[in-house]
Amino acid sequence: MTGVLLGNLTIIWVAAIIVFIVIEIFTQGLTSIYFAGGALGGCITAIAGAGPLAQVIVFIIVSVILIIATRPFKKKLDQKIQKTNVDTVIGQTAIVEEEIKPGQTGRVRLDGKIWTAKGAGEEEIPAGMQVTVREIQGVTLTVEKR
């Protein structure tokens, strides 16, 4: 009976590894990969013949160790993800393609791309004028005269 139980538990651990990896692939947040490592530890413990309690303890310990060991890497990765290339347009110079009237949007050209833009102030910005990007909200740039 014990051999059957250990075999079944090994299958459960393998299934858990697969589930955690699939979740990680879809979320890409480095959250469930720790538990896949813990499940691998539990699986190895099951293959070694340890009981269910020992397997769960190994699963928890390995998961916690992986979380702690990779925390600095995850923080760096999270910071990189938060900063996108869109942030790099702030402070750059754009050319007004379609005049920007107060309270309305117009269009500017920046790095060869056309963006929707609104003025930072209450004055009209005519086409052809150079402007500086001050802010970005969604896909709309807030610009001001240079």
Protein backbone atom coordinates (compact mmCIF):
# COMPACT_ATOMS: atom_id res chain seq x y z
CA MET A 1 0.00 0.00 0.00
CA THR A 2 2.85 2.41 0.83
CA GLY A 3 4.40 1.92 -2.63
CA VAL A 4 1.11 2.81 -4.29
CA LEU A 5 0.73 5.87 -2.06
CA LEU A 6 4.27 7.06 -2.79
CA GLY A 7 3.70 6.51 -6.53
CA ASN A 8 0.46 8.48 -6.40
CA LEU A 9 2.10 11.30 -4.46
CA THR A 10 4.94 11.45 -6.99
CA ILE A 11 2.38 11.83 -9.77
CA ILE A 12 0.65 14.59 -7.79
CA TRP A 13 3.98 16.42 -7.34
CA VAL A 14 4.76 16.12 -11.06
CA ALA A 15 1.29 17.46 -11.86
CA ALA A 16 1.87 20.34 -9.42
CA ILE A 17 5.20 21.16 -11.10
CA ILE A 18 3.50 21.28 -14.49
CA VAL A 19 0.60 23.41 -13.21
CA PHE A 20 2.95 25.92 -11.54
CA ILE A 21 5.10 26.17 -14.67
CA VAL A 22 2.06 26.70 -16.89
CA ILE A 23 0.78 29.42 -14.53
CA GLU A 24 4.21 31.07 -14.65
CA ILE A 25 4.27 30.99 -18.44
CA PHE A 26 0.93 32.78 -18.61
CA THR A 27 1.54 35.30 -15.82
CA GLN A 28 5.30 35.87 -16.24
CA GLY A 29 5.40 37.50 -12.84
CA LEU A 30 7.94 35.24 -11.17
CA THR A 31 5.41 34.15 -8.60
CA SER A 32 4.49 30.54 -9.19
CA ILE A 33 7.93 29.41 -10.38
CA TYR A 34 9.02 29.29 -6.73
CA PHE A 35 6.30 26.79 -6.03
CA ALA A 36 7.31 24.72 -9.05
CA GLY A 37 10.77 24.45 -7.45
CA GLY A 38 9.18 23.54 -4.13
CA ALA A 39 7.05 20.91 -5.85
CA LEU A 40 10.20 19.49 -7.42
CA GLY A 41 11.67 19.21 -3.92
CA GLY A 42 8.49 17.47 -2.74
CA CYS A 43 8.64 15.12 -5.72
CA ILE A 44 12.26 14.19 -5.04
CA THR A 45 11.37 13.61 -1.39
CA ALA A 46 8.49 11.34 -2.48
CA ILE A 47 10.77 9.36 -4.79
CA ALA A 48 13.24 9.00 -1.91
CA GLY A 49 10.47 7.32 0.07
CA ALA A 50 9.67 10.02 2.65
CA GLY A 51 6.14 10.36 3.97
CA PRO A 52 3.58 12.97 2.96
CA LEU A 53 4.37 15.29 5.89
CA ALA A 54 8.08 15.36 5.03
CA GLN A 55 7.21 16.06 1.37
CA VAL A 56 5.04 19.04 2.31
CA ILE A 57 7.72 20.37 4.68
CA VAL A 58 10.35 20.11 1.90
CA PHE A 59 7.94 21.81 -0.52
CA ILE A 60 7.49 24.74 1.89
CA ILE A 61 11.18 25.05 2.75
CA VAL A 62 12.36 24.94 -0.87
CA SER A 63 9.67 27.44 -1.95
CA VAL A 64 10.65 29.88 0.82
CA ILE A 65 14.37 29.51 0.05
CA LEU A 66 13.71 30.23 -3.63
CA ILE A 67 11.61 33.29 -2.79
CA ILE A 68 14.31 34.68 -0.48
CA ALA A 69 17.21 33.82 -2.82
CA THR A 70 15.63 35.42 -5.88
CA ARG A 71 14.11 38.47 -4.18
CA PRO A 72 16.88 40.93 -5.25
CA PHE A 73 16.64 39.72 -8.86
CA LYS A 74 12.84 40.04 -8.81
CA LYS A 75 13.03 43.60 -7.45
CA LYS A 76 15.38 44.60 -10.27
CA LEU A 77 13.14 42.95 -12.82
CA ASP A 78 10.03 44.66 -11.44
CA GLN A 79 11.75 48.06 -11.66
CA LYS A 80 12.71 47.42 -15.29
CA ILE A 81 9.18 46.36 -16.14
CA GLN A 82 7.70 49.50 -14.56
CA LYS A 83 9.92 51.76 -16.64
CA THR A 84 9.03 51.47 -20.28
CA ASN A 85 10.37 53.11 -23.40
CA VAL A 86 7.37 55.43 -23.32
CA ASP A 87 8.92 57.23 -20.34
CA THR A 88 11.90 58.15 -22.51
CA VAL A 89 9.84 60.60 -24.58
CA ILE A 90 9.51 62.98 -21.62
CA GLY A 91 11.82 65.93 -22.17
CA GLN A 92 12.24 65.26 -25.89
CA THR A 93 11.51 67.77 -28.62
CA ALA A 94 8.60 67.22 -31.00
CA ILE A 95 7.25 69.17 -33.97
CA VAL A 96 3.58 70.17 -34.02
CA GLU A 97 1.92 68.67 -37.10
CA GLU A 98 -1.64 69.83 -36.36
CA GLU A 99 -2.18 72.94 -34.24
CA ILE A 100 -3.04 72.44 -30.59
CA LYS A 101 -5.82 74.70 -29.34
CA PRO A 102 -6.45 75.31 -25.64
CA GLY A 103 -8.48 72.47 -24.13
CA GLN A 104 -8.20 70.42 -27.34
CA THR A 105 -5.75 67.97 -28.81
CA GLY A 106 -3.60 68.20 -31.89
CA ARG A 107 -0.83 66.09 -33.32
CA VAL A 108 2.93 66.14 -32.95
CA ARG A 109 5.72 64.22 -34.65
CA LEU A 110 8.31 62.64 -32.37
CA ASP A 111 11.01 60.27 -33.60
CA GLY A 112 9.11 59.83 -36.86
CA LYS A 113 5.88 58.86 -35.12
CA ILE A 114 2.67 60.87 -34.87
CA TRP A 115 1.27 61.32 -31.37
CA THR A 116 -1.90 62.93 -30.06
CA ALA A 117 -0.90 65.91 -27.93
CA LYS A 118 -2.43 68.56 -25.73
CA GLY A 119 -0.91 71.81 -24.57
CA ALA A 120 0.37 72.23 -21.03
CA GLY A 121 -0.82 75.83 -20.93
CA GLU A 122 -3.78 77.84 -22.17
CA GLU A 123 -2.18 79.14 -25.33
CA GLU A 124 -2.53 77.90 -28.89
CA ILE A 125 0.48 76.09 -30.34
CA PRO A 126 0.66 76.46 -34.15
CA ALA A 127 1.75 73.76 -36.60
CA GLY A 128 5.47 73.68 -37.31
CA MET A 129 6.48 74.84 -33.82
CA GLN A 130 8.92 72.87 -31.71
CA VAL A 131 7.56 71.72 -28.36
CA THR A 132 8.92 69.84 -25.37
CA VAL A 133 7.13 66.77 -24.02
CA ARG A 134 6.33 67.30 -20.33
CA GLU A 135 4.07 64.33 -19.56
CA ILE A 136 2.42 61.30 -21.08
CA GLN A 137 -1.00 59.96 -20.15
CA GLY A 138 -2.01 56.84 -22.03
CA VAL A 139 -1.18 57.73 -25.64
CA THR A 140 -1.52 61.50 -25.30
CA LEU A 141 1.51 63.72 -24.81
CA THR A 142 1.32 66.94 -22.83
CA VAL A 143 3.62 69.46 -24.53
CA GLU A 144 4.70 73.06 -24.11
CA LYS A 145 6.38 75.60 -26.35
CA ARG A 146 10.16 75.58 -26.28
